[in-house]
């Protein structure tokens, strides 16, 4: 697959935080924290990637399955988180991998910073001590880059993950420009965004997809964008982002 530049990172603005990137193989994280934690983040990514790679080496279906995969009790936490999220959303466990890595690394770094924002291919883990706005990028939709989601400190840590059938390299069977899910679990937000996006073939599917997303245990909010239509449900506060 060809690499698609993460253009939205250039629009990041958190002057109170220090930003840096960590890249290992397919994992490409953009991180903002109170101090430069690049070395600690690199070691954390290495640790969690190794855990997933070792598990897949013994259980290859964990990588390839498009349906939930049963995991034995006592497996590493990140494996269990991915499997549980996939089961709730009805997708394969790798649909949760970006959110799972973002959250696992984020929780490691919280020992060193009160504020952590980790973006992994459009999937975020956030812990913040001040109100922040997360922009929504939705391909060629007229809403793309013009709407944001307000996140309050009391709602964090949380995951905010987006799946798209028109943007990015992740596998999707849907045609939504963006499906954004908010959950206390970034793994679940990632898996649920994939499941919800898969349901959408046209704007007429927005209503049923919103209901399906809200029916997933642990999903607190959902936003769906396709062409010139948008739908939202749950605990979400949309704001307009100035051009």
C-alpha atoms as a PDB file:
ATOM      1  CA  UNK A   1       0.000   0.000   0.000  1.00  0.00           C
ATOM      2  CA  UNK A   2       1.153   3.523  -0.722  1.00  0.00           C
ATOM      3  CA  UNK A   3       1.819   5.847   2.187  1.00  0.00           C
ATOM      4  CA  UNK A   4      -0.768   8.590   2.633  1.00  0.00           C
ATOM      5  CA  UNK A   5       0.638  11.741   4.278  1.00  0.00           C
ATOM      6  CA  UNK A   6      -0.962  12.679   7.583  1.00  0.00           C
ATOM      7  CA  UNK A   7      -1.696  16.253   6.471  1.00  0.00           C
ATOM      8  CA  UNK A   8      -3.940  16.932   9.461  1.00  0.00           C
ATOM      9  CA  UNK A   9      -0.970  16.851  11.820  1.00  0.00           C
ATOM     10  CA  UNK A  10       0.119  20.219  10.480  1.00  0.00           C
ATOM     11  CA  UNK A  11      -3.124  21.678  11.827  1.00  0.00           C
ATOM     12  CA  UNK A  12      -2.405  20.581  15.386  1.00  0.00           C
ATOM     13  CA  UNK A  13      -2.314  23.476  17.836  1.00  0.00           C
ATOM     14  CA  UNK A  14      -1.636  22.903  21.535  1.00  0.00           C
ATOM     15  CA  UNK A  15       0.849  25.609  22.573  1.00  0.00           C
ATOM     16  CA  UNK A  16       0.858  24.336  26.145  1.00  0.00           C
ATOM     17  CA  UNK A  17       2.208  20.950  25.053  1.00  0.00           C
ATOM     18  CA  UNK A  18       5.378  19.634  23.414  1.00  0.00           C
ATOM     19  CA  UNK A  19       4.815  17.552  20.280  1.00  0.00           C
ATOM     20  CA  UNK A  20       6.894  14.769  18.746  1.00  0.00           C
ATOM     21  CA  UNK A  21       6.495  11.664  16.597  1.00  0.00           C
ATOM     22  CA  UNK A  22       7.420   8.030  17.129  1.00  0.00           C
ATOM     23  CA  UNK A  23       7.549   5.612  14.184  1.00  0.00           C
ATOM     24  CA  UNK A  24       8.213   1.869  14.346  1.00  0.00           C
ATOM     25  CA  UNK A  25       7.239  -0.193  11.305  1.00  0.00           C
ATOM     26  CA  UNK A  26       3.522   0.435  10.619  1.00  0.00           C
ATOM     27  CA  UNK A  27       3.044   2.340  13.864  1.00  0.00           C
ATOM     28  CA  UNK A  28       3.294   6.103  13.372  1.00  0.00           C
ATOM     29  CA  UNK A  29       2.317   8.094  16.460  1.00  0.00           C
ATOM     30  CA  UNK A  30       1.993  11.834  16.879  1.00  0.00           C
ATOM     31  CA  UNK A  31       2.240  12.663  20.578  1.00  0.00           C
ATOM     32  CA  UNK A  32       1.696  15.819  22.614  1.00  0.00           C
ATOM     33  CA  UNK A  33       2.679  15.961  26.288  1.00  0.00           C
ATOM     34  CA  UNK A  34       3.832  18.367  28.986  1.00  0.00           C
ATOM     35  CA  UNK A  35       7.438  17.407  28.321  1.00  0.00           C
ATOM     36  CA  UNK A  36       9.453  15.599  25.674  1.00  0.00           C
ATOM     37  CA  UNK A  37       8.821  11.893  26.269  1.00  0.00           C
ATOM     38  CA  UNK A  38      10.039  10.656  22.911  1.00  0.00           C
ATOM     39  CA  UNK A  39      12.463   8.061  24.266  1.00  0.00           C
ATOM     40  CA  UNK A  40       9.937   6.684  26.749  1.00  0.00           C
ATOM     41  CA  UNK A  41       7.283   6.598  24.046  1.00  0.00           C
ATOM     42  CA  UNK A  42       9.598   4.744  21.675  1.00  0.00           C
ATOM     43  CA  UNK A  43      10.281   2.061  24.283  1.00  0.00           C
ATOM     44  CA  UNK A  44       6.572   1.781  25.034  1.00  0.00           C
ATOM     45  CA  UNK A  45       5.686   1.313  21.366  1.00  0.00           C
ATOM     46  CA  UNK A  46       8.390  -1.330  21.038  1.00  0.00           C
ATOM     47  CA  UNK A  47       7.009  -3.202  24.053  1.00  0.00           C
ATOM     48  CA  UNK A  48       3.393  -3.238  22.919  1.00  0.00           C
ATOM     49  CA  UNK A  49       4.182  -3.997  19.282  1.00  0.00           C
ATOM     50  CA  UNK A  50       6.346  -6.916  20.364  1.00  0.00           C
ATOM     51  CA  UNK A  51       3.501  -8.266  22.489  1.00  0.00           C
ATOM     52  CA  UNK A  52       1.083  -8.154  19.560  1.00  0.00           C
ATOM     53  CA  UNK A  53       3.583  -9.581  17.074  1.00  0.00           C
ATOM     54  CA  UNK A  54       4.470 -12.473  19.372  1.00  0.00           C
ATOM     55  CA  UNK A  55       0.812 -13.293  19.944  1.00  0.00           C
ATOM     56  CA  UNK A  56       0.082 -13.234  16.214  1.00  0.00           C
ATOM     57  CA  UNK A  57       3.021 -15.534  15.545  1.00  0.00           C
ATOM     58  CA  UNK A  58       1.293 -18.182  17.671  1.00  0.00           C
ATOM     59  CA  UNK A  59      -2.281 -17.225  16.741  1.00  0.00           C
ATOM     60  CA  UNK A  60      -2.282 -16.040  13.087  1.00  0.00           C
ATOM     61  CA  UNK A  61      -6.089 -15.816  13.018  1.00  0.00           C
ATOM     62  CA  UNK A  62      -5.792 -12.817  15.346  1.00  0.00           C
ATOM     63  CA  UNK A  63      -4.270 -10.933  12.409  1.00  0.00           C
ATOM     64  CA  UNK A  64      -6.509 -12.123   9.584  1.00  0.00           C
ATOM     65  CA  UNK A  65      -9.960 -12.687  11.067  1.00  0.00           C
ATOM     66  CA  UNK A  66     -12.739 -10.229  10.201  1.00  0.00           C
ATOM     67  CA  UNK A  67     -14.833 -11.619  13.059  1.00  0.00           C
ATOM     68  CA  UNK A  68     -14.169 -11.675  16.824  1.00  0.00           C
ATOM     69  CA  UNK A  69     -11.529 -14.132  18.010  1.00  0.00           C
ATOM     70  CA  UNK A  70     -11.626 -15.838  21.389  1.00  0.00           C
ATOM     71  CA  UNK A  71      -8.617 -15.199  23.621  1.00  0.00           C
ATOM     72  CA  UNK A  72      -7.670 -17.368  26.567  1.00  0.00           C
ATOM     73  CA  UNK A  73      -7.727 -15.772  30.038  1.00  0.00           C
ATOM     74  CA  UNK A  74      -4.363 -14.492  31.214  1.00  0.00           C
ATOM     75  CA  UNK A  75      -3.127 -13.221  27.861  1.00  0.00           C
ATOM     76  CA  UNK A  76      -1.419  -9.773  27.819  1.00  0.00           C
ATOM     77  CA  UNK A  77      -3.747  -6.832  28.554  1.00  0.00           C
ATOM     78  CA  UNK A  78      -3.457  -5.263  25.101  1.00  0.00           C
ATOM     79  CA  UNK A  79      -4.456  -8.568  23.476  1.00  0.00           C
ATOM     80  CA  UNK A  80      -7.433  -8.935  25.807  1.00  0.00           C
ATOM     81  CA  UNK A  81      -8.477  -5.319  25.211  1.00  0.00           C
ATOM     82  CA  UNK A  82      -8.446  -5.795  21.447  1.00  0.00           C
ATOM     83  CA  UNK A  83     -10.354  -9.077  21.657  1.00  0.00           C
ATOM     84  CA  UNK A  84     -12.986  -7.635  24.001  1.00  0.00           C
ATOM     85  CA  UNK A  85     -13.479  -4.549  21.826  1.00  0.00           C
ATOM     86  CA  UNK A  86     -13.803  -6.704  18.712  1.00  0.00           C
ATOM     87  CA  UNK A  87     -16.389  -8.915  20.408  1.00  0.00           C
ATOM     88  CA  UNK A  88     -18.538  -5.946  21.451  1.00  0.00           C
ATOM     89  CA  UNK A  89     -18.367  -4.376  17.985  1.00  0.00           C
ATOM     90  CA  UNK A  90     -18.609  -7.609  15.992  1.00  0.00           C
ATOM     91  CA  UNK A  91     -15.405  -7.148  13.996  1.00  0.00           C
ATOM     92  CA  UNK A  92     -11.940  -8.712  13.813  1.00  0.00           C
ATOM     93  CA  UNK A  93      -9.465  -7.855  16.601  1.00  0.00           C
ATOM     94  CA  UNK A  94      -7.088  -5.937  14.333  1.00  0.00           C
ATOM     95  CA  UNK A  95      -9.861  -3.373  13.823  1.00  0.00           C
ATOM     96  CA  UNK A  96      -8.921  -2.235  17.333  1.00  0.00           C
ATOM     97  CA  UNK A  97      -5.127  -2.220  16.978  1.00  0.00           C
ATOM     98  CA  UNK A  98      -4.516   1.491  16.343  1.00  0.00           C
ATOM     99  CA  UNK A  99      -6.668   2.572  19.258  1.00  0.00           C
ATOM    100  CA  UNK A 100      -5.220  -0.131  21.488  1.00  0.00           C
ATOM    101  CA  UNK A 101      -1.625   0.937  20.842  1.00  0.00           C
ATOM    102  CA  UNK A 102      -2.487   4.619  21.289  1.00  0.00           C
ATOM    103  CA  UNK A 103      -4.101   3.918  24.645  1.00  0.00           C
ATOM    104  CA  UNK A 104      -1.447   1.493  25.885  1.00  0.00           C
ATOM    105  CA  UNK A 105       1.340   3.951  25.104  1.00  0.00           C
ATOM    106  CA  UNK A 106      -0.693   6.837  26.484  1.00  0.00           C
ATOM    107  CA  UNK A 107      -1.271   5.135  29.806  1.00  0.00           C
ATOM    108  CA  UNK A 108       2.448   4.366  30.069  1.00  0.00           C
ATOM    109  CA  UNK A 109       3.254   8.053  29.510  1.00  0.00           C
ATOM    110  CA  UNK A 110       0.687   9.323  32.011  1.00  0.00           C
ATOM    111  CA  UNK A 111       3.201   8.488  34.719  1.00  0.00           C
ATOM    112  CA  UNK A 112       5.283  11.401  33.403  1.00  0.00           C
ATOM    113  CA  UNK A 113       2.745  13.944  32.104  1.00  0.00           C
ATOM    114  CA  UNK A 114      -0.684  15.111  33.284  1.00  0.00           C
ATOM    115  CA  UNK A 115      -1.750  15.745  29.685  1.00  0.00           C
ATOM    116  CA  UNK A 116      -1.277  13.217  26.903  1.00  0.00           C
ATOM    117  CA  UNK A 117      -2.642  13.276  23.370  1.00  0.00           C
ATOM    118  CA  UNK A 118      -1.695  10.382  21.111  1.00  0.00           C
ATOM    119  CA  UNK A 119      -2.853  10.181  17.495  1.00  0.00           C
ATOM    120  CA  UNK A 120      -2.358   6.956  15.584  1.00  0.00           C
ATOM    121  CA  UNK A 121      -3.674   7.202  12.032  1.00  0.00           C
ATOM    122  CA  UNK A 122      -6.714   9.230  13.028  1.00  0.00           C
ATOM    123  CA  UNK A 123      -7.339   7.306  16.243  1.00  0.00           C
ATOM    124  CA  UNK A 124      -6.719   9.193  19.477  1.00  0.00           C
ATOM    125  CA  UNK A 125      -6.147   8.590  23.153  1.00  0.00           C
ATOM    126  CA  UNK A 126      -6.571  11.736  25.214  1.00  0.00           C
ATOM    127  CA  UNK A 127      -6.037  12.691  28.843  1.00  0.00           C
ATOM    128  CA  UNK A 128      -6.276  16.428  29.388  1.00  0.00           C
ATOM    129  CA  UNK A 129      -6.466  18.969  32.198  1.00  0.00           C
ATOM    130  CA  UNK A 130      -8.086  21.628  29.972  1.00  0.00           C
ATOM    131  CA  UNK A 131     -10.847  21.722  27.392  1.00  0.00           C
ATOM    132  CA  UNK A 132      -9.689  20.829  23.889  1.00  0.00           C
ATOM    133  CA  UNK A 133     -11.217  20.563  20.425  1.00  0.00           C
ATOM    134  CA  UNK A 134     -10.584  17.571  18.164  1.00  0.00           C
ATOM    135  CA  UNK A 135     -10.995  18.335  14.465  1.00  0.00           C
ATOM    136  CA  UNK A 136     -12.936  15.970  12.209  1.00  0.00           C
ATOM    137  CA  UNK A 137     -11.423  15.257   8.793  1.00  0.00           C
ATOM    138  CA  UNK A 138     -13.840  13.645   6.373  1.00  0.00           C
ATOM    139  CA  UNK A 139     -12.240  13.324   2.949  1.00  0.00           C
ATOM    140  CA  UNK A 140     -13.967  15.407   0.288  1.00  0.00           C
ATOM    141  CA  UNK A 141     -17.067  16.089   2.375  1.00  0.00           C
ATOM    142  CA  UNK A 142     -17.982  19.766   2.691  1.00  0.00           C
ATOM    143  CA  UNK A 143     -17.806  19.289   6.478  1.00  0.00           C
ATOM    144  CA  UNK A 144     -14.181  18.123   6.418  1.00  0.00           C
ATOM    145  CA  UNK A 145     -11.945  20.244   8.626  1.00  0.00           C
ATOM    146  CA  UNK A 146     -14.812  22.581   9.510  1.00  0.00           C
ATOM    147  CA  UNK A 147     -16.195  20.786  12.542  1.00  0.00           C
ATOM    148  CA  UNK A 148     -14.608  19.866  15.833  1.00  0.00           C
ATOM    149  CA  UNK A 149     -15.529  17.828  18.877  1.00  0.00           C
ATOM    150  CA  UNK A 150     -15.191  19.533  22.262  1.00  0.00           C
ATOM    151  CA  UNK A 151     -13.580  17.352  24.931  1.00  0.00           C
ATOM    152  CA  UNK A 152     -13.687  18.313  28.609  1.00  0.00           C
ATOM    153  CA  UNK A 153     -11.121  17.174  31.200  1.00  0.00           C
ATOM    154  CA  UNK A 154     -13.750  15.260  33.189  1.00  0.00           C
ATOM    155  CA  UNK A 155     -14.442  13.110  30.126  1.00  0.00           C
ATOM    156  CA  UNK A 156     -10.867  11.896  29.900  1.00  0.00           C
ATOM    157  CA  UNK A 157      -8.994   9.660  29.579  1.00  0.00           C
ATOM    158  CA  UNK A 158     -10.923   8.562  26.528  1.00  0.00           C
ATOM    159  CA  UNK A 159     -10.574   7.320  22.985  1.00  0.00           C
ATOM    160  CA  UNK A 160     -11.769   9.232  19.923  1.00  0.00           C
ATOM    161  CA  UNK A 161     -11.391   7.074  16.833  1.00  0.00           C
ATOM    162  CA  UNK A 162     -12.381   7.601  13.215  1.00  0.00           C
ATOM    163  CA  UNK A 163     -12.973   5.159  10.385  1.00  0.00           C
ATOM    164  CA  UNK A 164     -13.419   6.183   6.758  1.00  0.00           C
ATOM    165  CA  UNK A 165     -14.377   4.393   3.593  1.00  0.00           C
ATOM    166  CA  UNK A 166     -12.923   7.173   1.440  1.00  0.00           C
ATOM    167  CA  UNK A 167      -9.789   8.296   3.287  1.00  0.00           C
ATOM    168  CA  UNK A 168      -6.754   6.412   4.598  1.00  0.00           C
ATOM    169  CA  UNK A 169      -5.418   2.884   4.152  1.00  0.00           C
ATOM    170  CA  UNK A 170      -7.411   0.908   6.743  1.00  0.00           C
ATOM    171  CA  UNK A 171      -9.744  -1.833   5.531  1.00  0.00           C
ATOM    172  CA  UNK A 172     -13.357  -0.649   5.310  1.00  0.00           C
ATOM    173  CA  UNK A 173     -16.439  -2.034   3.582  1.00  0.00           C
ATOM    174  CA  UNK A 174     -18.393   1.208   3.950  1.00  0.00           C
ATOM    175  CA  UNK A 175     -18.591   4.488   2.087  1.00  0.00           C
ATOM    176  CA  UNK A 176     -18.783   7.038   4.900  1.00  0.00           C
ATOM    177  CA  UNK A 177     -16.328   9.908   4.721  1.00  0.00           C
ATOM    178  CA  UNK A 178     -15.899   9.684   8.491  1.00  0.00           C
ATOM    179  CA  UNK A 179     -17.366   7.790  11.418  1.00  0.00           C
ATOM    180  CA  UNK A 180     -16.042   9.093  14.723  1.00  0.00           C
ATOM    181  CA  UNK A 181     -16.677   7.197  17.939  1.00  0.00           C
ATOM    182  CA  UNK A 182     -16.084   8.389  21.496  1.00  0.00           C
ATOM    183  CA  UNK A 183     -15.545   5.863  24.291  1.00  0.00           C
ATOM    184  CA  UNK A 184     -13.672   5.499  27.552  1.00  0.00           C
ATOM    185  CA  UNK A 185     -11.757   2.744  25.718  1.00  0.00           C
ATOM    186  CA  UNK A 186      -9.730   3.671  22.631  1.00  0.00           C
ATOM    187  CA  UNK A 187      -9.727   0.006  21.584  1.00  0.00           C
ATOM    188  CA  UNK A 188     -13.518  -0.047  21.617  1.00  0.00           C
ATOM    189  CA  UNK A 189     -13.779   3.333  19.886  1.00  0.00           C
ATOM    190  CA  UNK A 190     -11.553   2.015  17.080  1.00  0.00           C
ATOM    191  CA  UNK A 191     -13.440  -1.263  16.659  1.00  0.00           C
ATOM    192  CA  UNK A 192     -16.849   0.430  16.864  1.00  0.00           C
ATOM    193  CA  UNK A 193     -15.857   3.052  14.278  1.00  0.00           C
ATOM    194  CA  UNK A 194     -14.940   0.258  11.860  1.00  0.00           C
ATOM    195  CA  UNK A 195     -18.174  -1.642  12.521  1.00  0.00           C
ATOM    196  CA  UNK A 196     -20.301   1.464  12.099  1.00  0.00           C
ATOM    197  CA  UNK A 197     -18.517   2.605   8.943  1.00  0.00           C
ATOM    198  CA  UNK A 198     -19.024  -0.834   7.400  1.00  0.00           C
ATOM    199  CA  UNK A 199     -22.789  -0.316   7.645  1.00  0.00           C
ATOM    200  CA  UNK A 200     -22.866   2.859   5.568  1.00  0.00           C
ATOM    201  CA  UNK A 201     -23.294   2.697   1.809  1.00  0.00           C
ATOM    202  CA  UNK A 202     -25.301   5.904   1.359  1.00  0.00           C
ATOM    203  CA  UNK A 203     -26.572   8.888   3.403  1.00  0.00           C
ATOM    204  CA  UNK A 204     -29.807   6.994   3.984  1.00  0.00           C
ATOM    205  CA  UNK A 205     -27.884   4.579   6.234  1.00  0.00           C
ATOM    206  CA  UNK A 206     -26.925   7.260   8.776  1.00  0.00           C
ATOM    207  CA  UNK A 207     -29.882   6.750  11.105  1.00  0.00           C
ATOM    208  CA  UNK A 208     -29.556   2.975  11.389  1.00  0.00           C
ATOM    209  CA  UNK A 209     -25.770   3.229  11.782  1.00  0.00           C
ATOM    210  CA  UNK A 210     -26.160   5.755  14.608  1.00  0.00           C
ATOM    211  CA  UNK A 211     -28.530   3.385  16.398  1.00  0.00           C
ATOM    212  CA  UNK A 212     -26.183   0.454  15.884  1.00  0.00           C
ATOM    213  CA  UNK A 213     -23.224   2.386  17.266  1.00  0.00           C
ATOM    214  CA  UNK A 214     -25.150   3.534  20.327  1.00  0.00           C
ATOM    215  CA  UNK A 215     -26.139  -0.079  20.892  1.00  0.00           C
ATOM    216  CA  UNK A 216     -22.521  -1.109  21.438  1.00  0.00           C
ATOM    217  CA  UNK A 217     -21.788  -1.236  25.158  1.00  0.00           C
ATOM    218  CA  UNK A 218     -19.218   1.416  26.072  1.00  0.00           C
ATOM    219  CA  UNK A 219     -19.848   3.817  23.167  1.00  0.00           C
ATOM    220  CA  UNK A 220     -20.710   7.257  24.547  1.00  0.00           C
ATOM    221  CA  UNK A 221     -20.983   9.232  21.300  1.00  0.00           C
ATOM    222  CA  UNK A 222     -20.912   8.901  17.521  1.00  0.00           C
ATOM    223  CA  UNK A 223     -20.626  11.282  14.568  1.00  0.00           C
ATOM    224  CA  UNK A 224     -21.180  10.196  10.955  1.00  0.00           C
ATOM    225  CA  UNK A 225     -20.272  12.233   7.877  1.00  0.00           C
ATOM    226  CA  UNK A 226     -21.024  11.210   4.303  1.00  0.00           C
ATOM    227  CA  UNK A 227     -21.033  13.708   1.428  1.00  0.00           C
ATOM    228  CA  UNK A 228     -23.232  16.640   2.473  1.00  0.00           C
ATOM    229  CA  UNK A 229     -24.958  14.835   5.345  1.00  0.00           C
ATOM    230  CA  UNK A 230     -24.002  14.533   8.987  1.00  0.00           C
ATOM    231  CA  UNK A 231     -25.545  12.739  11.943  1.00  0.00           C
ATOM    232  CA  UNK A 232     -24.642  12.603  15.622  1.00  0.00           C
ATOM    233  CA  UNK A 233     -25.888  10.799  18.703  1.00  0.00           C
ATOM    234  CA  UNK A 234     -24.925  10.445  22.339  1.00  0.00           C
ATOM    235  CA  UNK A 235     -22.722  12.737  24.391  1.00  0.00           C
ATOM    236  CA  UNK A 236     -21.027  14.836  21.695  1.00  0.00           C
ATOM    237  CA  UNK A 237     -20.580  18.620  21.428  1.00  0.00           C
ATOM    238  CA  UNK A 238     -19.798  19.777  17.902  1.00  0.00           C
ATOM    239  CA  UNK A 239     -18.274  23.187  17.274  1.00  0.00           C
ATOM    240  CA  UNK A 240     -17.448  25.049  14.077  1.00  0.00           C
ATOM    241  CA  UNK A 241     -13.761  25.429  13.295  1.00  0.00           C
ATOM    242  CA  UNK A 242     -12.850  28.708  11.613  1.00  0.00           C
ATOM    243  CA  UNK A 243     -11.276  28.536   8.153  1.00  0.00           C
END
